[in-house]
Structure formats: structure tokens, C-alpha cells
Amino acid sequence: MFIIFIIHFLISCSGTTYVDEANQALHNHDLSKAEQLFRKAIKKNPKDIEAITGLAWTYQLAGEKNTAEELFNRCLQLDSYNADCLRGKASVHLSMGNTIIARELIL
């Protein structure tokens, strides 16, 4: 019984759980909760691309384009060919009216 409790505790504290919950909050447009959970996941694993990308999209949806772009750039530093990071950065540029840069990023 104690071992089951420990396993459940470790799983519930994992960064993946934070990312799953954050994605659900983002889906529900609860940007504050999504930000908190993505940040917890990144604190556990600073190279968690899914958490970094999720946090970037959270900022993009909140209209914080510069912060979103910084996070998408961080994501691209970890994986320069990551499609989610490229799409996100393209979205930032598109929303800023930089259609040429946006197009270059997704082609």
C-alpha cells in the first residue's frame, strides 16, 4: 500500500502532469492557471519543450507578443526544427504584421 502511495505521489508531481493540466487550462482559456502550471513544469525541467511552447502560446493569447517570441526563440534554441516552435514564432510575427517573416518560418 505504501509503495502505491509513493508511485502515485511521484507521478502526480511530474512535469508531465503539470503540462497536461496546463494544456487543459489553456484549452479552457484560463491563461493565469496555464501560466502557473507551465512555469512549474519548466522549473522541474528547464528544457521541457512542450512546457516552453505552451507558455509561449499562453503569452501569445494574452497579447504579450514580445514575451511569446522570446519563449519561442528559447524553444528553437533547444530544437531548431521543432514545428510547434516554428509555427508559434510565425504566429507572433503574423500578429505583428510581419507576414514575410511569418511565411519564411513556416515554409
PDB file of N, CA and C in Angstrom:
ATOM      1  N   MET A   1       0.822  -1.191   0.000  1.00  0.00           N
ATOM      2  CA  MET A   1       0.000   0.000   0.000  1.00  0.00           C
ATOM      3  C   MET A   1       0.863   1.251   0.000  1.00  0.00           C
ATOM      4  N   PHE A   2       1.903   1.266   0.822  1.00  0.00           N
ATOM      5  CA  PHE A   2       2.786   2.421   0.895  1.00  0.00           C
ATOM      6  C   PHE A   2       3.479   2.658  -0.441  1.00  0.00           C
ATOM      7  N   ILE A   3       3.889   1.601  -1.115  1.00  0.00           N
ATOM      8  CA  ILE A   3       4.567   1.723  -2.411  1.00  0.00           C
ATOM      9  C   ILE A   3       3.621   2.339  -3.445  1.00  0.00           C
ATOM     10  N   ILE A   4       2.369   1.954  -3.422  1.00  0.00           N
ATOM     11  CA  ILE A   4       1.393   2.525  -4.355  1.00  0.00           C
ATOM     12  C   ILE A   4       1.243   4.024  -4.095  1.00  0.00           C
ATOM     13  N   PHE A   5       1.228   4.411  -2.829  1.00  0.00           N
ATOM     14  CA  PHE A   5       1.128   5.827  -2.486  1.00  0.00           C
ATOM     15  C   PHE A   5       2.334   6.589  -3.026  1.00  0.00           C
ATOM     16  N   ILE A   6       3.530   6.042  -2.850  1.00  0.00           N
ATOM     17  CA  ILE A   6       4.755   6.694  -3.327  1.00  0.00           C
ATOM     18  C   ILE A   6       4.719   6.837  -4.848  1.00  0.00           C
ATOM     19  N   ILE A   7       4.325   5.790  -5.552  1.00  0.00           N
ATOM     20  CA  ILE A   7       4.252   5.845  -7.015  1.00  0.00           C
ATOM     21  C   ILE A   7       3.247   6.907  -7.446  1.00  0.00           C
ATOM     22  N   HIS A   8       2.085   6.936  -6.829  1.00  0.00           N
ATOM     23  CA  HIS A   8       1.072   7.939  -7.158  1.00  0.00           C
ATOM     24  C   HIS A   8       1.606   9.345  -6.891  1.00  0.00           C
ATOM     25  N   PHE A   9       2.301   9.519  -5.773  1.00  0.00           N
ATOM     26  CA  PHE A   9       2.865  10.817  -5.429  1.00  0.00           C
ATOM     27  C   PHE A   9       3.884  11.270  -6.471  1.00  0.00           C
ATOM     28  N   LEU A  10       4.773  10.364  -6.875  1.00  0.00           N
ATOM     29  CA  LEU A  10       5.791  10.720  -7.865  1.00  0.00           C
ATOM     30  C   LEU A  10       5.174  11.072  -9.207  1.00  0.00           C
ATOM     31  N   ILE A  11       4.168  10.328  -9.613  1.00  0.00           N
ATOM     32  CA  ILE A  11       3.501  10.621 -10.884  1.00  0.00           C
ATOM     33  C   ILE A  11       2.792  11.958 -10.812  1.00  0.00           C
ATOM     34  N   SER A  12       2.122  12.238  -9.720  1.00  0.00           N
ATOM     35  CA  SER A  12       1.372  13.493  -9.597  1.00  0.00           C
ATOM     36  C   SER A  12       2.291  14.700  -9.520  1.00  0.00           C
ATOM     37  N   CYS A  13       3.553  14.516  -9.163  1.00  0.00           N
ATOM     38  CA  CYS A  13       4.492  15.629  -9.069  1.00  0.00           C
ATOM     39  C   CYS A  13       5.327  15.806 -10.327  1.00  0.00           C
ATOM     40  N   SER A  14       5.104  14.978 -11.314  1.00  0.00           N
ATOM     41  CA  SER A  14       5.932  15.047 -12.510  1.00  0.00           C
ATOM     42  C   SER A  14       5.577  16.261 -13.345  1.00  0.00           C
ATOM     43  N   GLY A  15       6.547  16.726 -14.128  1.00  0.00           N
ATOM     44  CA  GLY A  15       6.323  17.841 -15.021  1.00  0.00           C
ATOM     45  C   GLY A  15       5.256  17.553 -16.055  1.00  0.00           C
ATOM     46  N   THR A  16       5.136  16.293 -16.456  1.00  0.00           N
ATOM     47  CA  THR A  16       4.146  15.927 -17.465  1.00  0.00           C
ATOM     48  C   THR A  16       2.739  16.227 -16.962  1.00  0.00           C
ATOM     49  N   THR A  17       2.480  15.935 -15.718  1.00  0.00           N
ATOM     50  CA  THR A  17       1.165  16.225 -15.155  1.00  0.00           C
ATOM     51  C   THR A  17       0.900  17.722 -15.195  1.00  0.00           C
ATOM     52  N   TYR A  18       1.904  18.520 -14.846  1.00  0.00           N
ATOM     53  CA  TYR A  18       1.744  19.967 -14.920  1.00  0.00           C
ATOM     54  C   TYR A  18       1.419  20.402 -16.349  1.00  0.00           C
ATOM     55  N   VAL A  19       2.134  19.837 -17.313  1.00  0.00           N
ATOM     56  CA  VAL A  19       1.918  20.205 -18.714  1.00  0.00           C
ATOM     57  C   VAL A  19       0.520  19.793 -19.161  1.00  0.00           C
ATOM     58  N   ASP A  20       0.092  18.599 -18.782  1.00  0.00           N
ATOM     59  CA  ASP A  20      -1.258  18.148 -19.149  1.00  0.00           C
ATOM     60  C   ASP A  20      -2.321  19.079 -18.570  1.00  0.00           C
ATOM     61  N   GLU A  21      -2.171  19.418 -17.296  1.00  0.00           N
ATOM     62  CA  GLU A  21      -3.129  20.317 -16.650  1.00  0.00           C
ATOM     63  C   GLU A  21      -3.059  21.721 -17.247  1.00  0.00           C
ATOM     64  N   ALA A  22      -1.863  22.162 -17.572  1.00  0.00           N
ATOM     65  CA  ALA A  22      -1.695  23.487 -18.170  1.00  0.00           C
ATOM     66  C   ALA A  22      -2.332  23.535 -19.553  1.00  0.00           C
ATOM     67  N   ASN A  23      -2.155  22.481 -20.333  1.00  0.00           N
ATOM     68  CA  ASN A  23      -2.783  22.425 -21.655  1.00  0.00           C
ATOM     69  C   ASN A  23      -4.302  22.466 -21.540  1.00  0.00           C
ATOM     70  N   GLN A  24      -4.839  21.797 -20.538  1.00  0.00           N
ATOM     71  CA  GLN A  24      -6.287  21.827 -20.317  1.00  0.00           C
ATOM     72  C   GLN A  24      -6.730  23.245 -19.935  1.00  0.00           C
ATOM     73  N   ALA A  25      -5.966  23.896 -19.067  1.00  0.00           N
ATOM     74  CA  ALA A  25      -6.289  25.273 -18.681  1.00  0.00           C
ATOM     75  C   ALA A  25      -6.209  26.197 -19.898  1.00  0.00           C
ATOM     76  N   LEU A  26      -5.206  25.983 -20.739  1.00  0.00           N
ATOM     77  CA  LEU A  26      -5.074  26.794 -21.948  1.00  0.00           C
ATOM     78  C   LEU A  26      -6.264  26.564 -22.871  1.00  0.00           C
ATOM     79  N   HIS A  27      -6.662  25.309 -22.997  1.00  0.00           N
ATOM     80  CA  HIS A  27      -7.835  24.969 -23.808  1.00  0.00           C
ATOM     81  C   HIS A  27      -9.083  25.677 -23.277  1.00  0.00           C
ATOM     82  N   ASN A  28      -9.185  25.790 -21.954  1.00  0.00           N
ATOM     83  CA  ASN A  28     -10.322  26.465 -21.319  1.00  0.00           C
ATOM     84  C   ASN A  28     -10.140  27.989 -21.261  1.00  0.00           C
ATOM     85  N   HIS A  29      -9.052  28.471 -21.838  1.00  0.00           N
ATOM     86  CA  HIS A  29      -8.692  29.890 -21.877  1.00  0.00           C
ATOM     87  C   HIS A  29      -8.507  30.476 -20.469  1.00  0.00           C
ATOM     88  N   ASP A  30      -8.047  29.630 -19.546  1.00  0.00           N
ATOM     89  CA  ASP A  30      -7.682  30.081 -18.200  1.00  0.00           C
ATOM     90  C   ASP A  30      -6.177  30.360 -18.238  1.00  0.00           C
ATOM     91  N   LEU A  31      -5.829  31.530 -18.758  1.00  0.00           N
ATOM     92  CA  LEU A  31      -4.428  31.852 -19.031  1.00  0.00           C
ATOM     93  C   LEU A  31      -3.592  31.954 -17.759  1.00  0.00           C
ATOM     94  N   SER A  32      -4.176  32.439 -16.699  1.00  0.00           N
ATOM     95  CA  SER A  32      -3.448  32.559 -15.442  1.00  0.00           C
ATOM     96  C   SER A  32      -3.040  31.182 -14.903  1.00  0.00           C
ATOM     97  N   LYS A  33      -3.984  30.265 -14.899  1.00  0.00           N
ATOM     98  CA  LYS A  33      -3.695  28.915 -14.413  1.00  0.00           C
ATOM     99  C   LYS A  33      -2.712  28.214 -15.343  1.00  0.00           C
ATOM    100  N   ALA A  34      -2.898  28.382 -16.649  1.00  0.00           N
ATOM    101  CA  ALA A  34      -1.987  27.771 -17.616  1.00  0.00           C
ATOM    102  C   ALA A  34      -0.564  28.275 -17.391  1.00  0.00           C
ATOM    103  N   GLU A  35      -0.421  29.586 -17.209  1.00  0.00           N
ATOM    104  CA  GLU A  35       0.912  30.161 -16.983  1.00  0.00           C
ATOM    105  C   GLU A  35       1.558  29.545 -15.734  1.00  0.00           C
ATOM    106  N   GLN A  36       0.816  29.481 -14.646  1.00  0.00           N
ATOM    107  CA  GLN A  36       1.362  28.929 -13.403  1.00  0.00           C
ATOM    108  C   GLN A  36       1.826  27.484 -13.580  1.00  0.00           C
ATOM    109  N   LEU A  37       1.003  26.683 -14.241  1.00  0.00           N
ATOM    110  CA  LEU A  37       1.335  25.264 -14.400  1.00  0.00           C
ATOM    111  C   LEU A  37       2.488  25.043 -15.377  1.00  0.00           C
ATOM    112  N   PHE A  38       2.512  25.801 -16.479  1.00  0.00           N
ATOM    113  CA  PHE A  38       3.646  25.681 -17.404  1.00  0.00           C
ATOM    114  C   PHE A  38       4.939  26.090 -16.707  1.00  0.00           C
ATOM    115  N   ARG A  39       4.873  27.134 -15.890  1.00  0.00           N
ATOM    116  CA  ARG A  39       6.072  27.571 -15.167  1.00  0.00           C
ATOM    117  C   ARG A  39       6.547  26.504 -14.174  1.00  0.00           C
ATOM    118  N   LYS A  40       5.624  25.823 -13.524  1.00  0.00           N
ATOM    119  CA  LYS A  40       6.005  24.734 -12.611  1.00  0.00           C
ATOM    120  C   LYS A  40       6.704  23.618 -13.379  1.00  0.00           C
ATOM    121  N   ALA A  41       6.167  23.286 -14.551  1.00  0.00           N
ATOM    122  CA  ALA A  41       6.778  22.229 -15.369  1.00  0.00           C
ATOM    123  C   ALA A  41       8.179  22.641 -15.814  1.00  0.00           C
ATOM    124  N   ILE A  42       8.345  23.896 -16.195  1.00  0.00           N
ATOM    125  CA  ILE A  42       9.661  24.382 -16.636  1.00  0.00           C
ATOM    126  C   ILE A  42      10.640  24.421 -15.467  1.00  0.00           C
ATOM    127  N   LYS A  43      10.146  24.736 -14.286  1.00  0.00           N
ATOM    128  CA  LYS A  43      11.014  24.732 -13.104  1.00  0.00           C
ATOM    129  C   LYS A  43      11.553  23.321 -12.850  1.00  0.00           C
ATOM    130  N   LYS A  44      10.703  22.322 -13.052  1.00  0.00           N
ATOM    131  CA  LYS A  44      11.131  20.927 -12.872  1.00  0.00           C
ATOM    132  C   LYS A  44      12.099  20.497 -13.966  1.00  0.00           C
ATOM    133  N   ASN A  45      11.842  20.981 -15.206  1.00  0.00           N
ATOM    134  CA  ASN A  45      12.693  20.613 -16.335  1.00  0.00           C
ATOM    135  C   ASN A  45      12.811  21.819 -17.270  1.00  0.00           C
ATOM    136  N   PRO A  46      13.875  22.605 -17.132  1.00  0.00           N
ATOM    137  CA  PRO A  46      14.040  23.810 -17.934  1.00  0.00           C
ATOM    138  C   PRO A  46      14.126  23.567 -19.446  1.00  0.00           C
ATOM    139  N   LYS A  47      14.303  22.334 -19.855  1.00  0.00           N
ATOM    140  CA  LYS A  47      14.394  22.014 -21.284  1.00  0.00           C
ATOM    141  C   LYS A  47      13.132  21.325 -21.811  1.00  0.00           C
ATOM    142  N   ASP A  48      12.043  21.420 -21.069  1.00  0.00           N
ATOM    143  CA  ASP A  48      10.777  20.810 -21.476  1.00  0.00           C
ATOM    144  C   ASP A  48      10.156  21.648 -22.593  1.00  0.00           C
ATOM    145  N   ILE A  49      10.379  21.211 -23.826  1.00  0.00           N
ATOM    146  CA  ILE A  49       9.933  21.979 -24.989  1.00  0.00           C
ATOM    147  C   ILE A  49       8.420  22.153 -24.997  1.00  0.00           C
ATOM    148  N   GLU A  50       7.690  21.128 -24.614  1.00  0.00           N
ATOM    149  CA  GLU A  50       6.228  21.242 -24.611  1.00  0.00           C
ATOM    150  C   GLU A  50       5.758  22.309 -23.622  1.00  0.00           C
ATOM    151  N   ALA A  51       6.403  22.371 -22.464  1.00  0.00           N
ATOM    152  CA  ALA A  51       6.033  23.386 -21.467  1.00  0.00           C
ATOM    153  C   ALA A  51       6.431  24.784 -21.934  1.00  0.00           C
ATOM    154  N   ILE A  52       7.601  24.903 -22.523  1.00  0.00           N
ATOM    155  CA  ILE A  52       8.050  26.210 -23.021  1.00  0.00           C
ATOM    156  C   ILE A  52       7.127  26.693 -24.133  1.00  0.00           C
ATOM    157  N   THR A  53       6.791  25.793 -25.044  1.00  0.00           N
ATOM    158  CA  THR A  53       5.891  26.155 -26.143  1.00  0.00           C
ATOM    159  C   THR A  53       4.513  26.524 -25.602  1.00  0.00           C
ATOM    160  N   GLY A  54       4.016  25.754 -24.652  1.00  0.00           N
ATOM    161  CA  GLY A  54       2.717  26.058 -24.059  1.00  0.00           C
ATOM    162  C   GLY A  54       2.701  27.415 -23.379  1.00  0.00           C
ATOM    163  N   LEU A  55       3.778  27.724 -22.662  1.00  0.00           N
ATOM    164  CA  LEU A  55       3.868  29.027 -22.010  1.00  0.00           C
ATOM    165  C   LEU A  55       3.926  30.136 -23.055  1.00  0.00           C
ATOM    166  N   ALA A  56       4.652  29.902 -24.129  1.00  0.00           N
ATOM    167  CA  ALA A  56       4.735  30.893 -25.202  1.00  0.00           C
ATOM    168  C   ALA A  56       3.359  31.149 -25.816  1.00  0.00           C
ATOM    169  N   TRP A  57       2.594  30.070 -26.078  1.00  0.00           N
ATOM    170  CA  TRP A  57       1.245  30.240 -26.621  1.00  0.00           C
ATOM    171  C   TRP A  57       0.349  30.968 -25.621  1.00  0.00           C
ATOM    172  N   THR A  58       0.544  30.715 -24.343  1.00  0.00           N
ATOM    173  CA  THR A  58      -0.229  31.411 -23.314  1.00  0.00           C
ATOM    174  C   THR A  58      -0.003  32.917 -23.425  1.00  0.00           C
ATOM    175  N   TYR A  59       1.261  33.300 -23.557  1.00  0.00           N
ATOM    176  CA  TYR A  59       1.575  34.722 -23.702  1.00  0.00           C
ATOM    177  C   TYR A  59       1.078  35.280 -25.032  1.00  0.00           C
ATOM    178  N   GLN A  60       1.157  34.496 -26.075  1.00  0.00           N
ATOM    179  CA  GLN A  60       0.658  34.950 -27.372  1.00  0.00           C
ATOM    180  C   GLN A  60      -0.842  35.244 -27.283  1.00  0.00           C
ATOM    181  N   LEU A  61      -1.580  34.348 -26.647  1.00  0.00           N
ATOM    182  CA  LEU A  61      -3.023  34.556 -26.497  1.00  0.00           C
ATOM    183  C   LEU A  61      -3.347  35.742 -25.589  1.00  0.00           C
ATOM    184  N   ALA A  62      -2.447  36.022 -24.655  1.00  0.00           N
ATOM    185  CA  ALA A  62      -2.650  37.156 -23.746  1.00  0.00           C
ATOM    186  C   ALA A  62      -2.225  38.480 -24.375  1.00  0.00           C
ATOM    187  N   GLY A  63      -1.694  38.410 -25.592  1.00  0.00           N
ATOM    188  CA  GLY A  63      -1.269  39.629 -26.271  1.00  0.00           C
ATOM    189  C   GLY A  63       0.127  40.101 -25.900  1.00  0.00           C
ATOM    190  N   GLU A  64       0.861  39.260 -25.184  1.00  0.00           N
ATOM    191  CA  GLU A  64       2.239  39.572 -24.785  1.00  0.00           C
ATOM    192  C   GLU A  64       3.191  39.018 -25.847  1.00  0.00           C
ATOM    193  N   LYS A  65       3.203  39.666 -26.992  1.00  0.00           N
ATOM    194  CA  LYS A  65       3.910  39.138 -28.161  1.00  0.00           C
ATOM    195  C   LYS A  65       5.427  39.058 -27.984  1.00  0.00           C
ATOM    196  N   ASN A  66       6.027  40.050 -27.340  1.00  0.00           N
ATOM    197  CA  ASN A  66       7.480  40.026 -27.153  1.00  0.00           C
ATOM    198  C   ASN A  66       7.907  38.859 -26.260  1.00  0.00           C
ATOM    199  N   THR A  67       7.167  38.653 -25.183  1.00  0.00           N
ATOM    200  CA  THR A  67       7.477  37.537 -24.283  1.00  0.00           C
ATOM    201  C   THR A  67       7.247  36.213 -24.991  1.00  0.00           C
ATOM    202  N   ALA A  68       6.161  36.133 -25.758  1.00  0.00           N
ATOM    203  CA  ALA A  68       5.884  34.913 -26.516  1.00  0.00           C
ATOM    204  C   ALA A  68       7.027  34.622 -27.485  1.00  0.00           C
ATOM    205  N   GLU A  69       7.490  35.645 -28.198  1.00  0.00           N
ATOM    206  CA  GLU A  69       8.582  35.430 -29.158  1.00  0.00           C
ATOM    207  C   GLU A  69       9.863  34.988 -28.457  1.00  0.00           C
ATOM    208  N   GLU A  70      10.161  35.580 -27.300  1.00  0.00           N
ATOM    209  CA  GLU A  70      11.346  35.167 -26.539  1.00  0.00           C
ATOM    210  C   GLU A  70      11.271  33.678 -26.186  1.00  0.00           C
ATOM    211  N   LEU A  71      10.093  33.233 -25.774  1.00  0.00           N
ATOM    212  CA  LEU A  71       9.931  31.824 -25.406  1.00  0.00           C
ATOM    213  C   LEU A  71      10.008  30.913 -26.626  1.00  0.00           C
ATOM    214  N   PHE A  72       9.409  31.323 -27.742  1.00  0.00           N
ATOM    215  CA  PHE A  72       9.535  30.514 -28.956  1.00  0.00           C
ATOM    216  C   PHE A  72      10.994  30.456 -29.407  1.00  0.00           C
ATOM    217  N   ASN A  73      11.722  31.554 -29.250  1.00  0.00           N
ATOM    218  CA  ASN A  73      13.161  31.539 -29.572  1.00  0.00           C
ATOM    219  C   ASN A  73      13.915  30.570 -28.663  1.00  0.00           C
ATOM    220  N   ARG A  74      13.570  30.568 -27.386  1.00  0.00           N
ATOM    221  CA  ARG A  74      14.199  29.629 -26.433  1.00  0.00           C
ATOM    222  C   ARG A  74      13.926  28.193 -26.861  1.00  0.00           C
ATOM    223  N   CYS A  75      12.700  27.944 -27.276  1.00  0.00           N
ATOM    224  CA  CYS A  75      12.322  26.622 -27.763  1.00  0.00           C
ATOM    225  C   CYS A  75      13.166  26.246 -28.983  1.00  0.00           C
ATOM    226  N   LEU A  76      13.327  27.186 -29.900  1.00  0.00           N
ATOM    227  CA  LEU A  76      14.099  26.916 -31.114  1.00  0.00           C
ATOM    228  C   LEU A  76      15.587  26.737 -30.818  1.00  0.00           C
ATOM    229  N   GLN A  77      16.083  27.321 -29.743  1.00  0.00           N
ATOM    230  CA  GLN A  77      17.470  27.083 -29.343  1.00  0.00           C
ATOM    231  C   GLN A  77      17.656  25.630 -28.909  1.00  0.00           C
ATOM    232  N   LEU A  78      16.615  25.059 -28.312  1.00  0.00           N
ATOM    233  CA  LEU A  78      16.678  23.661 -27.875  1.00  0.00           C
ATOM    234  C   LEU A  78      16.473  22.700 -29.042  1.00  0.00           C
ATOM    235  N   ASP A  79      15.633  23.086 -29.998  1.00  0.00           N
ATOM    236  CA  ASP A  79      15.335  22.236 -31.152  1.00  0.00           C
ATOM    237  C   ASP A  79      14.974  23.134 -32.334  1.00  0.00           C
ATOM    238  N   SER A  80      15.966  23.422 -33.158  1.00  0.00           N
ATOM    239  CA  SER A  80      15.788  24.414 -34.224  1.00  0.00           C
ATOM    240  C   SER A  80      14.803  23.992 -35.307  1.00  0.00           C
ATOM    241  N   TYR A  81      14.399  22.732 -35.344  1.00  0.00           N
ATOM    242  CA  TYR A  81      13.454  22.268 -36.363  1.00  0.00           C
ATOM    243  C   TYR A  81      12.095  21.892 -35.789  1.00  0.00           C
ATOM    244  N   ASN A  82      11.853  22.263 -34.541  1.00  0.00           N
ATOM    245  CA  ASN A  82      10.586  21.910 -33.891  1.00  0.00           C
ATOM    246  C   ASN A  82       9.438  22.668 -34.554  1.00  0.00           C
ATOM    247  N   ALA A  83       8.515  21.916 -35.139  1.00  0.00           N
ATOM    248  CA  ALA A  83       7.412  22.516 -35.895  1.00  0.00           C
ATOM    249  C   ALA A  83       6.523  23.397 -35.026  1.00  0.00           C
ATOM    250  N   ASP A  84       6.264  22.991 -33.781  1.00  0.00           N
ATOM    251  CA  ASP A  84       5.421  23.800 -32.894  1.00  0.00           C
ATOM    252  C   ASP A  84       6.076  25.142 -32.587  1.00  0.00           C
ATOM    253  N   CYS A  85       7.381  25.132 -32.391  1.00  0.00           N
ATOM    254  CA  CYS A  85       8.109  26.375 -32.111  1.00  0.00           C
ATOM    255  C   CYS A  85       8.100  27.289 -33.338  1.00  0.00           C
ATOM    256  N   LEU A  86       8.310  26.708 -34.497  1.00  0.00           N
ATOM    257  CA  LEU A  86       8.307  27.494 -35.735  1.00  0.00           C
ATOM    258  C   LEU A  86       6.933  28.082 -36.021  1.00  0.00           C
ATOM    259  N   ARG A  87       5.888  27.270 -35.847  1.00  0.00           N
ATOM    260  CA  ARG A  87       4.523  27.772 -36.042  1.00  0.00           C
ATOM    261  C   ARG A  87       4.201  28.891 -35.057  1.00  0.00           C
ATOM    262  N   GLY A  88       4.637  28.706 -33.823  1.00  0.00           N
ATOM    263  CA  GLY A  88       4.384  29.720 -32.806  1.00  0.00           C
ATOM    264  C   GLY A  88       5.070  31.033 -33.130  1.00  0.00           C
ATOM    265  N   LYS A  89       6.337  30.952 -33.508  1.00  0.00           N
ATOM    266  CA  LYS A  89       7.069  32.171 -33.855  1.00  0.00           C
ATOM    267  C   LYS A  89       6.437  32.828 -35.087  1.00  0.00           C
ATOM    268  N   ALA A  90       5.999  32.014 -36.044  1.00  0.00           N
ATOM    269  CA  ALA A  90       5.318  32.553 -37.222  1.00  0.00           C
ATOM    270  C   ALA A  90       4.025  33.253 -36.816  1.00  0.00           C
ATOM    271  N   SER A  91       3.295  32.673 -35.876  1.00  0.00           N
ATOM    272  CA  SER A  91       2.058  33.277 -35.396  1.00  0.00           C
ATOM    273  C   SER A  91       2.324  34.639 -34.761  1.00  0.00           C
ATOM    274  N   VAL A  92       3.395  34.732 -33.975  1.00  0.00           N
ATOM    275  CA  VAL A  92       3.752  36.005 -33.355  1.00  0.00           C
ATOM    276  C   VAL A  92       4.015  37.047 -34.443  1.00  0.00           C
ATOM    277  N   HIS A  93       4.815  36.670 -35.427  1.00  0.00           N
ATOM    278  CA  HIS A  93       5.150  37.630 -36.489  1.00  0.00           C
ATOM    279  C   HIS A  93       3.918  38.000 -37.315  1.00  0.00           C
ATOM    280  N   LEU A  94       3.062  37.029 -37.563  1.00  0.00           N
ATOM    281  CA  LEU A  94       1.838  37.314 -38.308  1.00  0.00           C
ATOM    282  C   LEU A  94       0.964  38.307 -37.544  1.00  0.00           C
ATOM    283  N   SER A  95       0.848  38.109 -36.235  1.00  0.00           N
ATOM    284  CA  SER A  95       0.019  39.010 -35.431  1.00  0.00           C
ATOM    285  C   SER A  95       0.634  40.399 -35.316  1.00  0.00           C
ATOM    286  N   MET A  96       1.922  40.519 -35.585  1.00  0.00           N
ATOM    287  CA  MET A  96       2.592  41.812 -35.556  1.00  0.00           C
ATOM    288  C   MET A  96       2.640  42.452 -36.951  1.00  0.00           C
ATOM    289  N   GLY A  97       2.053  41.755 -37.925  1.00  0.00           N
ATOM    290  CA  GLY A  97       2.015  42.287 -39.282  1.00  0.00           C
ATOM    291  C   GLY A  97       3.236  41.964 -40.113  1.00  0.00           C
ATOM    292  N   ASN A  98       4.120  41.120 -39.616  1.00  0.00           N
ATOM    293  CA  ASN A  98       5.332  40.731 -40.341  1.00  0.00           C
ATOM    294  C   ASN A  98       5.072  39.471 -41.164  1.00  0.00           C
ATOM    295  N   THR A  99       4.273  39.606 -42.197  1.00  0.00           N
ATOM    296  CA  THR A  99       3.848  38.429 -42.971  1.00  0.00           C
ATOM    297  C   THR A  99       4.999  37.755 -43.713  1.00  0.00           C
ATOM    298  N   ILE A 100       5.974  38.520 -44.152  1.00  0.00           N
ATOM    299  CA  ILE A 100       7.107  37.924 -44.879  1.00  0.00           C
ATOM    300  C   ILE A 100       7.909  37.007 -43.956  1.00  0.00           C
ATOM    301  N   ILE A 101       8.199  37.480 -42.753  1.00  0.00           N
ATOM    302  CA  ILE A 101       8.940  36.652 -41.786  1.00  0.00           C
ATOM    303  C   ILE A 101       8.105  35.441 -41.401  1.00  0.00           C
ATOM    304  N   ALA A 102       6.817  35.632 -41.176  1.00  0.00           N
ATOM    305  CA  ALA A 102       5.933  34.519 -40.813  1.00  0.00           C
ATOM    306  C   ALA A 102       5.958  33.453 -41.897  1.00  0.00           C
ATOM    307  N   ARG A 103       5.859  33.867 -43.130  1.00  0.00           N
ATOM    308  CA  ARG A 103       5.881  32.921 -44.255  1.00  0.00           C
ATOM    309  C   ARG A 103       7.189  32.165 -44.333  1.00  0.00           C
ATOM    310  N   GLU A 104       8.303  32.866 -44.139  1.00  0.00           N
ATOM    311  CA  GLU A 104       9.623  32.218 -44.190  1.00  0.00           C
ATOM    312  C   GLU A 104       9.747  31.151 -43.100  1.00  0.00           C
ATOM    313  N   LEU A 105       9.158  31.398 -41.956  1.00  0.00           N
ATOM    314  CA  LEU A 105       9.248  30.454 -40.840  1.00  0.00           C
ATOM    315  C   LEU A 105       8.475  29.167 -41.083  1.00  0.00           C
ATOM    316  N   ILE A 106       7.386  29.256 -41.825  1.00  0.00           N
ATOM    317  CA  ILE A 106       6.570  28.050 -42.000  1.00  0.00           C
ATOM    318  C   ILE A 106       6.786  27.359 -43.346  1.00  0.00           C
ATOM    319  N   LEU A 107       7.605  27.938 -44.203  1.00  0.00           N
ATOM    320  CA  LEU A 107       7.883  27.274 -45.489  1.00  0.00           C
ATOM    321  C   LEU A 107       9.104  26.432 -45.434  1.00  0.00           C
TER     322      LEU A 107
END
